[in-house]
N, C-alpha and C. Protein backbone atom coordinates (compact mmCIF):
# COMPACT_ATOMS: atom_id res chain seq x y z
N MET A 1 0.75 -1.64 0.14
CA MET A 1 0.05 0.20 0.04
C MET A 1 0.76 0.96 0.33
N MET A 2 0.81 2.38 -0.43
CA MET A 2 1.58 3.71 -1.12
C MET A 2 0.59 4.74 0.20
N THR A 3 1.85 4.90 1.11
CA THR A 3 1.18 6.60 1.60
C THR A 3 1.39 7.40 1.22
N VAL A 4 2.11 8.16 2.50
CA VAL A 4 2.26 9.05 3.30
C VAL A 4 2.57 9.48 4.74
N TYR A 5 3.89 9.37 4.75
CA TYR A 5 4.35 8.49 6.12
C TYR A 5 4.73 10.64 6.94
N LYS A 6 4.59 10.75 8.14
CA LYS A 6 5.91 11.14 8.82
C LYS A 6 6.32 11.07 9.56
N TYR A 7 6.85 11.80 9.41
CA TYR A 7 9.08 11.73 10.11
C TYR A 7 9.71 12.58 10.89
N PRO A 8 9.57 12.36 12.36
CA PRO A 8 10.41 13.36 13.23
C PRO A 8 12.14 13.79 12.86
N VAL A 9 12.48 15.45 12.79
CA VAL A 9 13.68 15.38 12.75
C VAL A 9 14.38 15.72 13.25
N THR A 10 15.24 15.04 14.41
CA THR A 10 15.37 14.83 15.83
C THR A 10 17.44 16.38 15.05
N GLU A 11 16.95 17.21 16.20
CA GLU A 11 17.96 18.48 16.21
C GLU A 11 19.27 17.96 16.44
N VAL A 12 20.19 17.16 16.59
CA VAL A 12 21.30 17.23 17.01
C VAL A 12 22.06 16.22 15.24
N ARG A 13 22.92 16.26 15.19
CA ARG A 13 24.38 16.68 13.72
C ARG A 13 23.72 14.51 13.80
N ASP A 14 23.31 13.91 14.01
CA ASP A 14 22.97 12.33 12.76
C ASP A 14 21.94 11.77 14.05
N PHE A 15 21.24 10.84 12.89
CA PHE A 15 19.78 10.47 14.16
C PHE A 15 19.60 9.56 12.79
N SER A 16 19.01 8.34 13.11
CA SER A 16 18.43 7.17 12.27
C SER A 16 16.89 6.75 11.81
N LEU A 17 16.14 6.55 11.38
CA LEU A 17 15.45 5.87 11.26
C LEU A 17 14.78 5.70 10.05
N ALA A 18 13.53 4.58 11.24
CA ALA A 18 13.54 2.44 10.12
C ALA A 18 12.42 3.34 9.27
N MET A 19 12.14 2.29 7.75
CA MET A 19 10.76 3.05 6.63
C MET A 19 10.73 2.62 6.75
N PRO A 20 10.21 2.26 4.63
CA PRO A 20 10.43 1.16 3.25
C PRO A 20 11.11 1.50 2.44
N SER A 21 12.17 0.45 1.94
CA SER A 21 12.62 0.63 0.80
C SER A 21 12.93 1.80 -0.11
N GLY A 22 13.21 1.98 -0.85
CA GLY A 22 12.75 2.32 -1.34
C GLY A 22 11.75 4.21 -1.00
N ALA A 23 11.53 4.30 0.05
CA ALA A 23 10.56 5.75 -0.76
C ALA A 23 11.18 6.83 -0.22
N LYS A 24 9.89 7.81 -0.58
CA LYS A 24 10.79 8.94 -1.42
C LYS A 24 10.30 10.56 -1.19
N PHE A 25 11.04 10.92 -0.47
CA PHE A 25 10.94 12.78 -0.22
C PHE A 25 10.70 13.07 -0.32
N LEU A 26 9.47 13.46 0.73
CA LEU A 26 8.73 14.67 -1.03
C LEU A 26 8.82 16.19 0.38
N LYS A 27 8.98 17.16 1.82
CA LYS A 27 9.06 18.08 2.18
C LYS A 27 9.11 17.41 3.78
N MET A 28 10.10 19.04 4.03
CA MET A 28 10.31 19.50 5.25
C MET A 28 9.58 20.42 6.27
N ASP A 29 9.81 20.11 6.87
CA ASP A 29 8.48 21.46 7.27
C ASP A 29 8.20 21.70 8.48
N TRP A 30 7.85 23.03 9.81
CA TRP A 30 7.63 22.59 11.27
C TRP A 30 6.95 22.98 11.55
N GLN A 31 6.03 21.70 12.33
CA GLN A 31 4.22 21.28 12.29
C GLN A 31 4.72 21.26 13.61
N HIS A 32 3.66 22.11 14.29
CA HIS A 32 2.93 22.50 15.59
C HIS A 32 4.85 22.70 16.26
N GLY A 33 5.54 23.39 16.32
CA GLY A 33 6.99 23.88 16.85
C GLY A 33 7.77 22.84 17.07
N LYS A 34 7.66 21.99 15.50
CA LYS A 34 8.66 20.38 16.00
C LYS A 34 8.74 20.64 13.93
N LEU A 35 10.04 20.36 13.57
CA LEU A 35 10.78 19.26 12.42
C LEU A 35 10.38 18.72 12.04
N VAL A 36 8.74 18.02 11.12
CA VAL A 36 9.26 16.41 10.72
C VAL A 36 9.48 16.55 9.12
N MET A 37 8.92 15.59 8.36
CA MET A 37 9.62 15.19 7.23
C MET A 37 8.60 14.28 6.73
N TRP A 38 8.40 14.42 5.45
CA TRP A 38 7.30 14.12 4.47
C TRP A 38 7.77 12.91 3.94
N TRP A 39 7.73 11.37 3.83
CA TRP A 39 7.48 11.09 2.63
C TRP A 39 6.89 9.87 1.77
N HIS A 40 7.04 9.44 1.57
CA HIS A 40 5.95 8.52 0.21
C HIS A 40 6.30 7.30 0.10
N VAL A 41 6.04 6.73 0.82
CA VAL A 41 6.48 4.87 0.74
C VAL A 41 5.68 4.17 0.51
N ASP A 42 6.74 2.82 0.39
CA ASP A 42 5.64 1.64 -0.08
C ASP A 42 5.46 0.75 1.13
N LEU A 43 4.67 0.62 1.70
CA LEU A 43 4.80 -0.51 2.52
C LEU A 43 4.43 -2.15 3.59
N SER A 44 3.97 -2.19 1.31
CA SER A 44 3.90 -3.90 1.16
C SER A 44 5.92 -3.62 0.93
N ASN A 45 6.87 -2.93 1.46
CA ASN A 45 8.69 -2.63 0.73
C ASN A 45 9.68 -3.15 2.47
N PRO A 46 10.07 -4.06 2.52
CA PRO A 46 10.95 -4.04 3.54
C PRO A 46 11.20 -3.25 4.65
N PHE A 47 11.56 -2.65 5.74
CA PHE A 47 12.36 -1.58 5.86
C PHE A 47 13.79 -1.97 5.73
N VAL A 48 14.36 -0.95 6.07
CA VAL A 48 15.99 -0.37 5.97
C VAL A 48 15.14 0.84 7.78
N THR A 49 17.00 1.08 7.69
CA THR A 49 17.42 2.07 9.18
C THR A 49 17.92 3.01 8.05
N ARG A 50 16.66 4.16 7.24
CA ARG A 50 18.48 5.50 7.55
C ARG A 50 19.02 6.10 8.34
N GLN A 51 20.17 6.82 7.05
CA GLN A 51 20.87 7.07 8.28
C GLN A 51 20.64 9.17 8.02
N PHE A 52 20.26 9.48 9.02
CA PHE A 52 19.93 11.05 8.26
C PHE A 52 21.86 12.12 10.17
N MET A 53 21.91 13.34 8.85
CA MET A 53 23.63 13.97 8.80
C MET A 53 22.24 15.39 9.36
N THR A 54 22.82 16.17 10.69
CA THR A 54 22.23 17.96 9.65
C THR A 54 24.40 18.33 9.77
N VAL A 55 24.31 19.33 8.52
CA VAL A 55 25.60 20.54 8.19
C VAL A 55 24.82 20.96 8.98
N GLY A 56 25.42 22.14 9.51
CA GLY A 56 25.42 23.66 10.06
C GLY A 56 25.90 24.36 8.79
N THR A 57 26.04 25.60 7.57
CA THR A 57 25.86 26.59 6.99
C THR A 57 27.45 26.68 8.35
N GLY A 58 28.71 26.84 6.96
CA GLY A 58 29.83 27.10 7.38
C GLY A 58 30.22 26.15 7.59
N LEU A 59 30.71 24.41 7.93
CA LEU A 59 30.92 23.63 8.11
C LEU A 59 31.46 22.90 7.90
N GLU A 60 32.02 22.19 8.10
CA GLU A 60 32.96 20.89 7.71
C GLU A 60 31.33 20.35 6.97
N SER A 61 31.65 19.48 5.21
CA SER A 61 30.29 18.79 5.05
C SER A 61 31.50 17.44 4.17
N ALA A 62 33.00 17.74 4.30
CA ALA A 62 33.16 16.69 3.72
C ALA A 62 32.72 14.62 4.37
N HIS A 63 31.85 14.57 5.23
CA HIS A 63 31.78 13.12 5.47
C HIS A 63 29.89 12.53 4.68
N VAL A 64 29.22 14.18 4.03
CA VAL A 64 28.33 13.73 3.32
C VAL A 64 28.39 13.81 2.06
N ARG A 65 29.52 14.09 1.58
CA ARG A 65 29.90 14.04 -0.37
C ARG A 65 28.77 13.04 -0.71
N ASN A 66 29.10 11.67 -0.50
CA ASN A 66 27.54 11.00 -1.04
C ASN A 66 26.53 11.31 -0.49
N TRP A 67 25.91 10.92 0.35
CA TRP A 67 24.55 12.11 0.81
C TRP A 67 23.16 12.37 -0.04
N GLN A 68 22.87 12.34 -0.04
CA GLN A 68 22.23 12.59 -0.66
C GLN A 68 21.31 14.31 -0.28
N TYR A 69 21.22 15.13 -0.41
CA TYR A 69 20.38 16.48 0.25
C TYR A 69 19.40 16.70 0.64
N LEU A 70 18.35 16.28 1.41
CA LEU A 70 16.81 16.64 1.35
C LEU A 70 16.79 18.20 1.28
N ASP A 71 17.10 18.71 2.50
CA ASP A 71 16.19 20.12 2.66
C ASP A 71 17.38 21.01 3.45
N SER A 72 16.51 22.45 3.53
CA SER A 72 17.14 22.95 4.98
C SER A 72 16.34 24.10 5.85
N TYR A 73 17.03 23.95 7.03
CA TYR A 73 15.54 25.06 7.93
C TYR A 73 16.87 25.34 8.86
N GLN A 74 15.59 26.21 9.15
CA GLN A 74 16.51 27.26 10.56
C GLN A 74 16.21 27.07 11.90
N LEU A 75 17.55 27.44 13.00
CA LEU A 75 16.95 27.44 14.71
C LEU A 75 17.25 29.08 15.18
N LEU A 76 16.85 29.35 16.22
CA LEU A 76 17.13 30.24 16.55
C LEU A 76 16.36 31.66 15.63
N GLU A 77 15.80 31.02 15.84
CA GLU A 77 15.92 32.98 15.25
C GLU A 77 16.04 33.10 13.66
N GLY A 78 16.90 32.28 13.21
CA GLY A 78 17.53 31.71 11.98
C GLY A 78 19.14 32.40 11.83
N LYS A 79 19.70 32.50 13.72
CA LYS A 79 20.71 32.17 13.86
C LYS A 79 22.13 30.84 13.25
N PHE A 80 20.86 29.97 13.43
CA PHE A 80 21.18 27.84 12.48
C PHE A 80 21.02 27.62 11.95
N VAL A 81 21.52 27.54 10.76
CA VAL A 81 20.69 27.19 9.62
C VAL A 81 21.18 25.79 9.20
N GLY A 82 21.18 24.38 10.06
CA GLY A 82 20.68 24.19 9.32
C GLY A 82 20.83 22.34 7.86
N HIS A 83 21.88 21.98 6.96
CA HIS A 83 21.33 21.02 5.57
C HIS A 83 21.74 19.92 6.30
N LEU A 84 19.97 18.56 6.09
CA LEU A 84 19.75 17.94 6.67
C LEU A 84 19.90 17.29 4.97
N PHE A 85 21.10 15.97 5.12
CA PHE A 85 21.31 15.21 4.33
C PHE A 85 20.77 13.15 4.48
N VAL A 86 20.80 12.74 4.07
CA VAL A 86 19.84 11.69 3.61
C VAL A 86 21.98 10.62 2.84
N GLY A 87 22.09 9.32 4.82
CA GLY A 87 22.76 7.95 3.22
C GLY A 87 21.61 7.44 2.82
N GLN A 88 22.15 6.46 1.94
CA GLN A 88 21.88 5.60 0.96
C GLN A 88 21.15 4.09 1.59
N GLU A 89 20.51 3.99 0.84
CA GLU A 89 19.96 2.45 1.77
C GLU A 89 20.30 1.54 1.55
N ASN A 90 21.02 1.06 2.70
CA ASN A 90 21.84 -0.27 2.42
C ASN A 90 21.23 -1.51 2.26
N ALA A 91 21.29 -3.27 1.85
CA ALA A 91 21.14 -3.97 2.57
C ALA A 91 20.44 -4.68 3.54
N GLU A 92 21.93 -4.44 3.93
CA GLU A 92 22.04 -4.73 5.17
C GLU A 92 21.53 -4.58 6.86
N ASN A 93 21.22 -3.09 6.12
CA ASN A 93 20.66 -2.49 7.14
C ASN A 93 18.79 -3.30 7.13
N THR A 94 18.50 -3.32 6.20
CA THR A 94 17.43 -4.16 5.95
C THR A 94 16.10 -4.72 7.62
N LEU A 95 15.37 -4.18 8.15
CA LEU A 95 14.11 -4.71 8.96
C LEU A 95 13.22 -5.69 8.42
N ARG A 96 12.70 -6.25 9.34
CA ARG A 96 12.02 -6.75 9.24
C ARG A 96 10.70 -5.76 8.85
N LYS A 97 9.87 -6.80 8.68
CA LYS A 97 8.66 -5.37 7.69
C LYS A 97 8.08 -5.29 10.24
N HIS A 98 7.21 -3.55 10.59
CA HIS A 98 6.71 -4.85 11.60
C HIS A 98 5.72 -3.79 11.65
N LEU A 99 4.99 -3.57 10.90
CA LEU A 99 3.67 -2.97 10.49
C LEU A 99 2.03 -3.69 10.39
C-alpha cells in the first residue's frame, strides 16, 4: 500500500529512522513547533534503517559528500541554518516488516 508518512527530524547532528525501502522524500517543514518530514512510502516493502545528518552552514561537510541533500531549516530565529542529508539505503540494514 502506498501512503504518505510523517517522520520527526531530531535537532541533533545525526540520527536514524526505520522506513520502507524505496521511500521518496516529499517535504520538510515545521508542524506544531516540531521539525518533521513527509515521505511517500510503500508499506509492502521491507523496512530499512536510513541514516540522517545535519550540517550547519559554514561547517565541514566532506563526510556527507555522497549523501543526498534533502532540505534546509532554521533554528534560533535564523542564527543556525541546518542542511539535512540522508545516506544511501543499504541492504544489510534491512529490517523485518514491523507494521
